[in-house]
Amino acid sequence: MNQTTTTEYKHILVDEHNVPFIEGSSMKIVELVTSVHAYGWSPEELHFQYPHLSMSQIYSALAYYWEHKEEIDADMKRRFDYAERLRKEAGESPLAKRLRTQGLIK
């Protein structure tokens, strides 16, 4: 059974691994904030991209982020570093090699 803890932020819960997420969804705060950092999305654009989230949920998640910025930014960096390590370990794909030899990509 999953254990969750409420927070002082409406719509925001913390799971048994101390990961904050948006109540009623599987969206983690770090995932939502990654979209803001990667694409520069406004709250309205986040709502357009994630229509299952209400504006209230989105603003609450962003407020939670600003109050916990250091730890969530560290989590984003950890996730990026992990993905980058996996990408390097996997090496270049056969498709990318073909495209590179054909001069279609750099």
PDB file of N, CA and C in Angstrom:
ATOM      1  N   MET A   1       0.836  -1.187   0.000  1.00  0.00           N
ATOM      2  CA  MET A   1       0.000   0.000   0.000  1.00  0.00           C
ATOM      3  C   MET A   1       0.879   1.249   0.000  1.00  0.00           C
ATOM      4  N   ASN A   2       0.576   2.155  -0.888  1.00  0.00           N
ATOM      5  CA  ASN A   2       1.351   3.391  -0.986  1.00  0.00           C
ATOM      6  C   ASN A   2       0.962   4.350   0.123  1.00  0.00           C
ATOM      7  N   GLN A   3       1.958   4.909   0.747  1.00  0.00           N
ATOM      8  CA  GLN A   3       1.754   5.895   1.798  1.00  0.00           C
ATOM      9  C   GLN A   3       1.970   7.284   1.203  1.00  0.00           C
ATOM     10  N   THR A   4       1.050   8.183   1.460  1.00  0.00           N
ATOM     11  CA  THR A   4       1.229   9.566   1.028  1.00  0.00           C
ATOM     12  C   THR A   4       1.043  10.486   2.218  1.00  0.00           C
ATOM     13  N   THR A   5       1.681  11.625   2.123  1.00  0.00           N
ATOM     14  CA  THR A   5       1.599  12.636   3.165  1.00  0.00           C
ATOM     15  C   THR A   5       1.076  13.915   2.535  1.00  0.00           C
ATOM     16  N   THR A   6       0.192  14.578   3.237  1.00  0.00           N
ATOM     17  CA  THR A   6      -0.309  15.859   2.742  1.00  0.00           C
ATOM     18  C   THR A   6       0.742  16.938   2.981  1.00  0.00           C
ATOM     19  N   THR A   7       0.606  18.031   2.264  1.00  0.00           N
ATOM     20  CA  THR A   7       1.486  19.184   2.445  1.00  0.00           C
ATOM     21  C   THR A   7       0.607  20.395   2.728  1.00  0.00           C
ATOM     22  N   GLU A   8       1.216  21.517   2.988  1.00  0.00           N
ATOM     23  CA  GLU A   8       0.449  22.743   3.203  1.00  0.00           C
ATOM     24  C   GLU A   8      -0.071  23.310   1.887  1.00  0.00           C
ATOM     25  N   TYR A   9       0.308  22.687   0.774  1.00  0.00           N
ATOM     26  CA  TYR A   9      -0.115  23.135  -0.550  1.00  0.00           C
ATOM     27  C   TYR A   9      -1.288  22.293  -1.022  1.00  0.00           C
ATOM     28  N   LYS A  10      -2.375  22.972  -1.381  1.00  0.00           N
ATOM     29  CA  LYS A  10      -3.537  22.282  -1.915  1.00  0.00           C
ATOM     30  C   LYS A  10      -3.106  21.512  -3.162  1.00  0.00           C
ATOM     31  N   HIS A  11      -3.564  20.300  -3.307  1.00  0.00           N
ATOM     32  CA  HIS A  11      -3.312  19.422  -4.457  1.00  0.00           C
ATOM     33  C   HIS A  11      -1.941  18.753  -4.444  1.00  0.00           C
ATOM     34  N   ILE A  12      -1.091  19.031  -3.491  1.00  0.00           N
ATOM     35  CA  ILE A  12       0.258  18.462  -3.502  1.00  0.00           C
ATOM     36  C   ILE A  12       0.403  17.454  -2.372  1.00  0.00           C
ATOM     37  N   LEU A  13       0.810  16.246  -2.751  1.00  0.00           N
ATOM     38  CA  LEU A  13       1.084  15.181  -1.793  1.00  0.00           C
ATOM     39  C   LEU A  13       2.543  14.765  -1.953  1.00  0.00           C
ATOM     40  N   VAL A  14       3.061  14.073  -0.943  1.00  0.00           N
ATOM     41  CA  VAL A  14       4.416  13.533  -0.992  1.00  0.00           C
ATOM     42  C   VAL A  14       4.296  12.029  -0.811  1.00  0.00           C
ATOM     43  N   ASP A  15       4.949  11.262  -1.692  1.00  0.00           N
ATOM     44  CA  ASP A  15       4.837   9.805  -1.608  1.00  0.00           C
ATOM     45  C   ASP A  15       5.808   9.227  -0.583  1.00  0.00           C
ATOM     46  N   GLU A  16       5.818   7.894  -0.490  1.00  0.00           N
ATOM     47  CA  GLU A  16       6.642   7.216   0.514  1.00  0.00           C
ATOM     48  C   GLU A  16       8.138   7.388   0.262  1.00  0.00           C
ATOM     49  N   HIS A  17       8.519   7.837  -0.934  1.00  0.00           N
ATOM     50  CA  HIS A  17       9.925   8.095  -1.255  1.00  0.00           C
ATOM     51  C   HIS A  17      10.260   9.582  -1.126  1.00  0.00           C
ATOM     52  N   ASN A  18       9.343  10.330  -0.532  1.00  0.00           N
ATOM     53  CA  ASN A  18       9.500  11.771  -0.325  1.00  0.00           C
ATOM     54  C   ASN A  18       9.505  12.555  -1.640  1.00  0.00           C
ATOM     55  N   VAL A  19       8.782  12.033  -2.636  1.00  0.00           N
ATOM     56  CA  VAL A  19       8.676  12.693  -3.938  1.00  0.00           C
ATOM     57  C   VAL A  19       7.325  13.403  -4.012  1.00  0.00           C
ATOM     58  N   PRO A  20       7.332  14.728  -4.192  1.00  0.00           N
ATOM     59  CA  PRO A  20       6.067  15.462  -4.284  1.00  0.00           C
ATOM     60  C   PRO A  20       5.406  15.260  -5.648  1.00  0.00           C
ATOM     61  N   PHE A  21       4.091  15.093  -5.622  1.00  0.00           N
ATOM     62  CA  PHE A  21       3.333  14.916  -6.858  1.00  0.00           C
ATOM     63  C   PHE A  21       1.988  15.603  -6.728  1.00  0.00           C
ATOM     64  N   ILE A  22       1.302  15.733  -7.857  1.00  0.00           N
ATOM     65  CA  ILE A  22       0.020  16.422  -7.894  1.00  0.00           C
ATOM     66  C   ILE A  22      -1.088  15.417  -7.615  1.00  0.00           C
ATOM     67  N   GLU A  23      -1.861  15.700  -6.592  1.00  0.00           N
ATOM     68  CA  GLU A  23      -2.954  14.821  -6.183  1.00  0.00           C
ATOM     69  C   GLU A  23      -3.919  14.584  -7.343  1.00  0.00           C
ATOM     70  N   GLY A  24      -4.371  13.339  -7.479  1.00  0.00           N
ATOM     71  CA  GLY A  24      -5.301  12.993  -8.542  1.00  0.00           C
ATOM     72  C   GLY A  24      -4.627  12.728  -9.875  1.00  0.00           C
ATOM     73  N   SER A  25      -3.308  12.698  -9.870  1.00  0.00           N
ATOM     74  CA  SER A  25      -2.549  12.428 -11.092  1.00  0.00           C
ATOM     75  C   SER A  25      -1.288  11.654 -10.714  1.00  0.00           C
ATOM     76  N   SER A  26      -0.543  11.272 -11.715  1.00  0.00           N
ATOM     77  CA  SER A  26       0.760  10.649 -11.466  1.00  0.00           C
ATOM     78  C   SER A  26       1.895  11.636 -11.751  1.00  0.00           C
ATOM     79  N   MET A  27       1.540  12.904 -11.987  1.00  0.00           N
ATOM     80  CA  MET A  27       2.515  13.936 -12.351  1.00  0.00           C
ATOM     81  C   MET A  27       3.317  14.377 -11.131  1.00  0.00           C
ATOM     82  N   LYS A  28       4.627  14.168 -11.218  1.00  0.00           N
ATOM     83  CA  LYS A  28       5.527  14.629 -10.165  1.00  0.00           C
ATOM     84  C   LYS A  28       5.829  16.113 -10.395  1.00  0.00           C
ATOM     85  N   ILE A  29       6.068  16.827  -9.310  1.00  0.00           N
ATOM     86  CA  ILE A  29       6.396  18.255  -9.415  1.00  0.00           C
ATOM     87  C   ILE A  29       7.629  18.440 -10.296  1.00  0.00           C
ATOM     88  N   VAL A  30       8.629  17.594 -10.120  1.00  0.00           N
ATOM     89  CA  VAL A  30       9.861  17.713 -10.900  1.00  0.00           C
ATOM     90  C   VAL A  30       9.582  17.561 -12.393  1.00  0.00           C
ATOM     91  N   GLU A  31       8.627  16.738 -12.779  1.00  0.00           N
ATOM     92  CA  GLU A  31       8.296  16.563 -14.196  1.00  0.00           C
ATOM     93  C   GLU A  31       7.639  17.818 -14.762  1.00  0.00           C
ATOM     94  N   LEU A  32       6.738  18.398 -13.993  1.00  0.00           N
ATOM     95  CA  LEU A  32       6.071  19.622 -14.439  1.00  0.00           C
ATOM     96  C   LEU A  32       7.083  20.758 -14.588  1.00  0.00           C
ATOM     97  N   VAL A  33       7.950  20.900 -13.602  1.00  0.00           N
ATOM     98  CA  VAL A  33       8.942  21.980 -13.619  1.00  0.00           C
ATOM     99  C   VAL A  33       9.967  21.756 -14.729  1.00  0.00           C
ATOM    100  N   THR A  34      10.277  20.511 -15.030  1.00  0.00           N
ATOM    101  CA  THR A  34      11.182  20.223 -16.144  1.00  0.00           C
ATOM    102  C   THR A  34      10.609  20.766 -17.445  1.00  0.00           C
ATOM    103  N   SER A  35       9.297  20.664 -17.622  1.00  0.00           N
ATOM    104  CA  SER A  35       8.644  21.221 -18.815  1.00  0.00           C
ATOM    105  C   SER A  35       8.801  22.737 -18.872  1.00  0.00           C
ATOM    106  N   VAL A  36       8.715  23.379 -17.727  1.00  0.00           N
ATOM    107  CA  VAL A  36       8.899  24.836 -17.675  1.00  0.00           C
ATOM    108  C   VAL A  36      10.330  25.186 -18.084  1.00  0.00           C
ATOM    109  N   HIS A  37      11.302  24.470 -17.524  1.00  0.00           N
ATOM    110  CA  HIS A  37      12.709  24.756 -17.832  1.00  0.00           C
ATOM    111  C   HIS A  37      13.064  24.397 -19.272  1.00  0.00           C
ATOM    112  N   ALA A  38      12.580  23.274 -19.757  1.00  0.00           N
ATOM    113  CA  ALA A  38      12.949  22.805 -21.095  1.00  0.00           C
ATOM    114  C   ALA A  38      12.296  23.616 -22.205  1.00  0.00           C
ATOM    115  N   TYR A  39      11.035  23.979 -22.012  1.00  0.00           N
ATOM    116  CA  TYR A  39      10.274  24.612 -23.087  1.00  0.00           C
ATOM    117  C   TYR A  39       9.858  26.054 -22.800  1.00  0.00           C
ATOM    118  N   GLY A  40      10.080  26.508 -21.573  1.00  0.00           N
ATOM    119  CA  GLY A  40       9.673  27.866 -21.222  1.00  0.00           C
ATOM    120  C   GLY A  40       8.166  28.036 -21.127  1.00  0.00           C
ATOM    121  N   TRP A  41       7.464  26.951 -20.831  1.00  0.00           N
ATOM    122  CA  TRP A  41       6.005  26.992 -20.807  1.00  0.00           C
ATOM    123  C   TRP A  41       5.464  27.806 -19.644  1.00  0.00           C
ATOM    124  N   SER A  42       4.469  28.596 -19.917  1.00  0.00           N
ATOM    125  CA  SER A  42       3.729  29.354 -18.905  1.00  0.00           C
ATOM    126  C   SER A  42       2.734  28.407 -18.237  1.00  0.00           C
ATOM    127  N   PRO A  43       2.125  28.827 -17.129  1.00  0.00           N
ATOM    128  CA  PRO A  43       1.079  27.993 -16.522  1.00  0.00           C
ATOM    129  C   PRO A  43      -0.048  27.665 -17.504  1.00  0.00           C
ATOM    130  N   GLU A  44      -0.407  28.625 -18.342  1.00  0.00           N
ATOM    131  CA  GLU A  44      -1.472  28.390 -19.320  1.00  0.00           C
ATOM    132  C   GLU A  44      -1.051  27.341 -20.345  1.00  0.00           C
ATOM    133  N   GLU A  45       0.201  27.402 -20.779  1.00  0.00           N
ATOM    134  CA  GLU A  45       0.700  26.403 -21.732  1.00  0.00           C
ATOM    135  C   GLU A  45       0.804  25.032 -21.067  1.00  0.00           C
ATOM    136  N   LEU A  46       1.201  25.008 -19.801  1.00  0.00           N
ATOM    137  CA  LEU A  46       1.220  23.735 -19.073  1.00  0.00           C
ATOM    138  C   LEU A  46      -0.174  23.116 -19.056  1.00  0.00           C
ATOM    139  N   HIS A  47      -1.182  23.945 -18.833  1.00  0.00           N
ATOM    140  CA  HIS A  47      -2.562  23.454 -18.815  1.00  0.00           C
ATOM    141  C   HIS A  47      -2.968  22.930 -20.194  1.00  0.00           C
ATOM    142  N   PHE A  48      -2.542  23.614 -21.244  1.00  0.00           N
ATOM    143  CA  PHE A  48      -2.832  23.161 -22.602  1.00  0.00           C
ATOM    144  C   PHE A  48      -2.157  21.814 -22.877  1.00  0.00           C
ATOM    145  N   GLN A  49      -0.909  21.679 -22.447  1.00  0.00           N
ATOM    146  CA  GLN A  49      -0.148  20.454 -22.689  1.00  0.00           C
ATOM    147  C   GLN A  49      -0.583  19.304 -21.779  1.00  0.00           C
ATOM    148  N   TYR A  50      -1.027  19.642 -20.585  1.00  0.00           N
ATOM    149  CA  TYR A  50      -1.464  18.641 -19.602  1.00  0.00           C
ATOM    150  C   TYR A  50      -2.901  18.958 -19.194  1.00  0.00           C
ATOM    151  N   PRO A  51      -3.863  18.742 -20.092  1.00  0.00           N
ATOM    152  CA  PRO A  51      -5.249  19.150 -19.816  1.00  0.00           C
ATOM    153  C   PRO A  51      -5.901  18.411 -18.650  1.00  0.00           C
ATOM    154  N   HIS A  52      -5.290  17.319 -18.217  1.00  0.00           N
ATOM    155  CA  HIS A  52      -5.830  16.603 -17.058  1.00  0.00           C
ATOM    156  C   HIS A  52      -5.529  17.330 -15.744  1.00  0.00           C
ATOM    157  N   LEU A  53      -4.667  18.347 -15.796  1.00  0.00           N
ATOM    158  CA  LEU A  53      -4.359  19.149 -14.610  1.00  0.00           C
ATOM    159  C   LEU A  53      -5.155  20.443 -14.650  1.00  0.00           C
ATOM    160  N   SER A  54      -5.692  20.827 -13.511  1.00  0.00           N
ATOM    161  CA  SER A  54      -6.403  22.105 -13.428  1.00  0.00           C
ATOM    162  C   SER A  54      -5.387  23.231 -13.239  1.00  0.00           C
ATOM    163  N   MET A  55      -5.814  24.446 -13.513  1.00  0.00           N
ATOM    164  CA  MET A  55      -4.939  25.594 -13.279  1.00  0.00           C
ATOM    165  C   MET A  55      -4.576  25.689 -11.803  1.00  0.00           C
ATOM    166  N   SER A  56      -5.511  25.355 -10.937  1.00  0.00           N
ATOM    167  CA  SER A  56      -5.242  25.373  -9.503  1.00  0.00           C
ATOM    168  C   SER A  56      -4.135  24.381  -9.145  1.00  0.00           C
ATOM    169  N   GLN A  57      -4.179  23.193  -9.726  1.00  0.00           N
ATOM    170  CA  GLN A  57      -3.136  22.197  -9.475  1.00  0.00           C
ATOM    171  C   GLN A  57      -1.783  22.697  -9.982  1.00  0.00           C
ATOM    172  N   ILE A  58      -1.781  23.297 -11.155  1.00  0.00           N
ATOM    173  CA  ILE A  58      -0.535  23.785 -11.748  1.00  0.00           C
ATOM    174  C   ILE A  58       0.071  24.903 -10.902  1.00  0.00           C
ATOM    175  N   TYR A  59      -0.735  25.883 -10.519  1.00  0.00           N
ATOM    176  CA  TYR A  59      -0.210  26.982  -9.697  1.00  0.00           C
ATOM    177  C   TYR A  59       0.255  26.487  -8.333  1.00  0.00           C
ATOM    178  N   SER A  60      -0.446  25.531  -7.766  1.00  0.00           N
ATOM    179  CA  SER A  60      -0.034  24.975  -6.484  1.00  0.00           C
ATOM    180  C   SER A  60       1.307  24.250  -6.624  1.00  0.00           C
ATOM    181  N   ALA A  61       1.463  23.504  -7.712  1.00  0.00           N
ATOM    182  CA  ALA A  61       2.723  22.798  -7.962  1.00  0.00           C
ATOM    183  C   ALA A  61       3.875  23.783  -8.143  1.00  0.00           C
ATOM    184  N   LEU A  62       3.627  24.864  -8.868  1.00  0.00           N
ATOM    185  CA  LEU A  62       4.675  25.865  -9.071  1.00  0.00           C
ATOM    186  C   LEU A  62       5.023  26.578  -7.769  1.00  0.00           C
ATOM    187  N   ALA A  63       4.024  26.849  -6.950  1.00  0.00           N
ATOM    188  CA  ALA A  63       4.290  27.461  -5.642  1.00  0.00           C
ATOM    189  C   ALA A  63       5.129  26.519  -4.784  1.00  0.00           C
ATOM    190  N   TYR A  64       4.782  25.235  -4.820  1.00  0.00           N
ATOM    191  CA  TYR A  64       5.561  24.237  -4.067  1.00  0.00           C
ATOM    192  C   TYR A  64       7.007  24.241  -4.570  1.00  0.00           C
ATOM    193  N   TYR A  65       7.177  24.280  -5.873  1.00  0.00           N
ATOM    194  CA  TYR A  65       8.527  24.300  -6.445  1.00  0.00           C
ATOM    195  C   TYR A  65       9.334  25.482  -5.912  1.00  0.00           C
ATOM    196  N   TRP A  66       8.755  26.682  -5.931  1.00  0.00           N
ATOM    197  CA  TRP A  66       9.513  27.856  -5.506  1.00  0.00           C
ATOM    198  C   TRP A  66       9.892  27.793  -4.036  1.00  0.00           C
ATOM    199  N   GLU A  67       9.094  27.117  -3.238  1.00  0.00           N
ATOM    200  CA  GLU A  67       9.430  26.963  -1.818  1.00  0.00           C
ATOM    201  C   GLU A  67      10.446  25.840  -1.586  1.00  0.00           C
ATOM    202  N   HIS A  68      10.603  24.948  -2.567  1.00  0.00           N
ATOM    203  CA  HIS A  68      11.510  23.796  -2.442  1.00  0.00           C
ATOM    204  C   HIS A  68      12.463  23.736  -3.641  1.00  0.00           C
ATOM    205  N   LYS A  69      12.796  24.903  -4.165  1.00  0.00           N
ATOM    206  CA  LYS A  69      13.556  25.020  -5.410  1.00  0.00           C
ATOM    207  C   LYS A  69      14.884  24.269  -5.370  1.00  0.00           C
ATOM    208  N   GLU A  70      15.632  24.421  -4.319  1.00  0.00           N
ATOM    209  CA  GLU A  70      16.966  23.822  -4.248  1.00  0.00           C
ATOM    210  C   GLU A  70      16.900  22.301  -4.379  1.00  0.00           C
ATOM    211  N   GLU A  71      15.999  21.668  -3.639  1.00  0.00           N
ATOM    212  CA  GLU A  71      15.929  20.201  -3.692  1.00  0.00           C
ATOM    213  C   GLU A  71      15.334  19.703  -5.013  1.00  0.00           C
ATOM    214  N   ILE A  72      14.377  20.421  -5.569  1.00  0.00           N
ATOM    215  CA  ILE A  72      13.783  19.986  -6.844  1.00  0.00           C
ATOM    216  C   ILE A  72      14.763  20.227  -7.988  1.00  0.00           C
ATOM    217  N   ASP A  73      15.489  21.337  -7.957  1.00  0.00           N
ATOM    218  CA  ASP A  73      16.526  21.567  -8.970  1.00  0.00           C
ATOM    219  C   ASP A  73      17.603  20.485  -8.897  1.00  0.00           C
ATOM    220  N   ALA A  74      17.972  20.071  -7.690  1.00  0.00           N
ATOM    221  CA  ALA A  74      18.959  18.997  -7.532  1.00  0.00           C
ATOM    222  C   ALA A  74      18.417  17.688  -8.106  1.00  0.00           C
ATOM    223  N   ASP A  75      17.131  17.421  -7.911  1.00  0.00           N
ATOM    224  CA  ASP A  75      16.514  16.221  -8.473  1.00  0.00           C
ATOM    225  C   ASP A  75      16.517  16.288  -9.997  1.00  0.00           C
ATOM    226  N   MET A  76      16.202  17.458 -10.568  1.00  0.00           N
ATOM    227  CA  MET A  76      16.237  17.614 -12.028  1.00  0.00           C
ATOM    228  C   MET A  76      17.642  17.351 -12.564  1.00  0.00           C
ATOM    229  N   LYS A  77      18.645  17.889 -11.888  1.00  0.00           N
ATOM    230  CA  LYS A  77      20.028  17.691 -12.324  1.00  0.00           C
ATOM    231  C   LYS A  77      20.409  16.224 -12.234  1.00  0.00           C
ATOM    232  N   ARG A  78      20.013  15.564 -11.169  1.00  0.00           N
ATOM    233  CA  ARG A  78      20.306  14.138 -11.012  1.00  0.00           C
ATOM    234  C   ARG A  78      19.676  13.338 -12.148  1.00  0.00           C
ATOM    235  N   ARG A  79      18.434  13.641 -12.483  1.00  0.00           N
ATOM    236  CA  ARG A  79      17.738  12.941 -13.572  1.00  0.00           C
ATOM    237  C   ARG A  79      18.409  13.211 -14.918  1.00  0.00           C
ATOM    238  N   PHE A  80      18.791  14.464 -15.162  1.00  0.00           N
ATOM    239  CA  PHE A  80      19.464  14.806 -16.412  1.00  0.00           C
ATOM    240  C   PHE A  80      20.802  14.086 -16.516  1.00  0.00           C
ATOM    241  N   ASP A  81      21.581  14.103 -15.438  1.00  0.00           N
ATOM    242  CA  ASP A  81      22.888  13.445 -15.443  1.00  0.00           C
ATOM    243  C   ASP A  81      22.747  11.947 -15.691  1.00  0.00           C
ATOM    244  N   TYR A  82      21.733  11.333 -15.093  1.00  0.00           N
ATOM    245  CA  TYR A  82      21.479   9.903 -15.290  1.00  0.00           C
ATOM    246  C   TYR A  82      21.134   9.622 -16.752  1.00  0.00           C
ATOM    247  N   ALA A  83      20.251  10.417 -17.331  1.00  0.00           N
ATOM    248  CA  ALA A  83      19.865  10.230 -18.735  1.00  0.00           C
ATOM    249  C   ALA A  83      21.063  10.450 -19.656  1.00  0.00           C
ATOM    250  N   GLU A  84      21.870  11.441 -19.354  1.00  0.00           N
ATOM    251  CA  GLU A  84      23.055  11.729 -20.165  1.00  0.00           C
ATOM    252  C   GLU A  84      24.051  10.575 -20.090  1.00  0.00           C
ATOM    253  N   ARG A  85      24.232  10.013 -18.903  1.00  0.00           N
ATOM    254  CA  ARG A  85      25.133   8.870 -18.748  1.00  0.00           C
ATOM    255  C   ARG A  85      24.637   7.679 -19.572  1.00  0.00           C
ATOM    256  N   LEU A  86      23.328   7.403 -19.516  1.00  0.00           N
ATOM    257  CA  LEU A  86      22.763   6.303 -20.296  1.00  0.00           C
ATOM    258  C   LEU A  86      22.934   6.546 -21.795  1.00  0.00           C
ATOM    259  N   ARG A  87      22.748   7.796 -22.222  1.00  0.00           N
ATOM    260  CA  ARG A  87      22.905   8.131 -23.637  1.00  0.00           C
ATOM    261  C   ARG A  87      24.333   7.869 -24.097  1.00  0.00           C
ATOM    262  N   LYS A  88      25.297   8.263 -23.286  1.00  0.00           N
ATOM    263  CA  LYS A  88      26.702   8.054 -23.641  1.00  0.00           C
ATOM    264  C   LYS A  88      27.058   6.577 -23.650  1.00  0.00           C
ATOM    265  N   GLU A  89      26.535   5.831 -22.672  1.00  0.00           N
ATOM    266  CA  GLU A  89      26.798   4.391 -22.611  1.00  0.00           C
ATOM    267  C   GLU A  89      26.204   3.666 -23.813  1.00  0.00           C
ATOM    268  N   ALA A  90      25.058   4.123 -24.283  1.00  0.00           N
ATOM    269  CA  ALA A  90      24.391   3.472 -25.418  1.00  0.00           C
ATOM    270  C   ALA A  90      25.131   3.736 -26.724  1.00  0.00           C
ATOM    271  N   GLY A  91      25.831   4.846 -26.792  1.00  0.00           N
ATOM    272  CA  GLY A  91      26.550   5.179 -28.012  1.00  0.00           C
ATOM    273  C   GLY A  91      25.615   5.663 -29.104  1.00  0.00           C
ATOM    274  N   GLU A  92      26.199   5.893 -30.244  1.00  0.00           N
ATOM    275  CA  GLU A  92      25.436   6.416 -31.371  1.00  0.00           C
ATOM    276  C   GLU A  92      24.607   5.299 -32.005  1.00  0.00           C
ATOM    277  N   SER A  93      23.391   5.619 -32.351  1.00  0.00           N
ATOM    278  CA  SER A  93      22.506   4.623 -32.971  1.00  0.00           C
ATOM    279  C   SER A  93      22.930   4.375 -34.420  1.00  0.00           C
ATOM    280  N   PRO A  94      22.592   3.209 -34.959  1.00  0.00           N
ATOM    281  CA  PRO A  94      22.907   2.939 -36.368  1.00  0.00           C
ATOM    282  C   PRO A  94      22.299   3.982 -37.311  1.00  0.00           C
ATOM    283  N   LEU A  95      21.096   4.438 -37.015  1.00  0.00           N
ATOM    284  CA  LEU A  95      20.462   5.461 -37.853  1.00  0.00           C
ATOM    285  C   LEU A  95      21.275   6.753 -37.837  1.00  0.00           C
ATOM    286  N   ALA A  96      21.679   7.190 -36.656  1.00  0.00           N
ATOM    287  CA  ALA A  96      22.473   8.418 -36.553  1.00  0.00           C
ATOM    288  C   ALA A  96      23.794   8.268 -37.306  1.00  0.00           C
ATOM    289  N   LYS A  97      24.419   7.097 -37.221  1.00  0.00           N
ATOM    290  CA  LYS A  97      25.672   6.864 -37.952  1.00  0.00           C
ATOM    291  C   LYS A  97      25.451   6.996 -39.453  1.00  0.00           C
ATOM    292  N   ARG A  98      24.381   6.388 -39.964  1.00  0.00           N
ATOM    293  CA  ARG A  98      24.076   6.475 -41.397  1.00  0.00           C
ATOM    294  C   ARG A  98      23.830   7.919 -41.822  1.00  0.00           C
ATOM    295  N   LEU A  99      23.027   8.627 -41.037  1.00  0.00           N
ATOM    296  CA  LEU A  99      22.725  10.021 -41.370  1.00  0.00           C
ATOM    297  C   LEU A  99      23.984  10.881 -41.336  1.00  0.00           C
ATOM    298  N   ARG A 100      24.863  10.602 -40.385  1.00  0.00           N
ATOM    299  CA  ARG A 100      26.109  11.367 -40.267  1.00  0.00           C
ATOM    300  C   ARG A 100      27.009  11.101 -41.478  1.00  0.00           C
ATOM    301  N   THR A 101      27.125   9.850 -41.885  1.00  0.00           N
ATOM    302  CA  THR A 101      27.979   9.532 -43.039  1.00  0.00           C
ATOM    303  C   THR A 101      27.415  10.122 -44.329  1.00  0.00           C
ATOM    304  N   GLN A 102      26.113  10.310 -44.374  1.00  0.00           N
ATOM    305  CA  GLN A 102      25.480  10.922 -45.546  1.00  0.00           C
ATOM    306  C   GLN A 102      25.502  12.448 -45.474  1.00  0.00           C
ATOM    307  N   GLY A 103      26.037  12.976 -44.374  1.00  0.00           N
ATOM    308  CA  GLY A 103      26.120  14.417 -44.205  1.00  0.00           C
ATOM    309  C   GLY A 103      24.793  15.080 -43.882  1.00  0.00           C
ATOM    310  N   LEU A 104      23.826  14.286 -43.439  1.00  0.00           N
ATOM    311  CA  LEU A 104      22.500  14.837 -43.143  1.00  0.00           C
ATOM    312  C   LEU A 104      22.394  15.405 -41.731  1.00  0.00           C
ATOM    313  N   ILE A 105      23.295  14.971 -40.843  1.00  0.00           N
ATOM    314  CA  ILE A 105      23.364  15.545 -39.493  1.00  0.00           C
ATOM    315  C   ILE A 105      24.829  15.759 -39.147  1.00  0.00           C
ATOM    316  N   LYS A 106      25.061  16.599 -38.166  1.00  0.00           N
ATOM    317  CA  LYS A 106      26.439  16.869 -37.727  1.00  0.00           C
ATOM    318  C   LYS A 106      26.813  15.953 -36.604  1.00  0.00           C
TER     319      LYS A 106
END
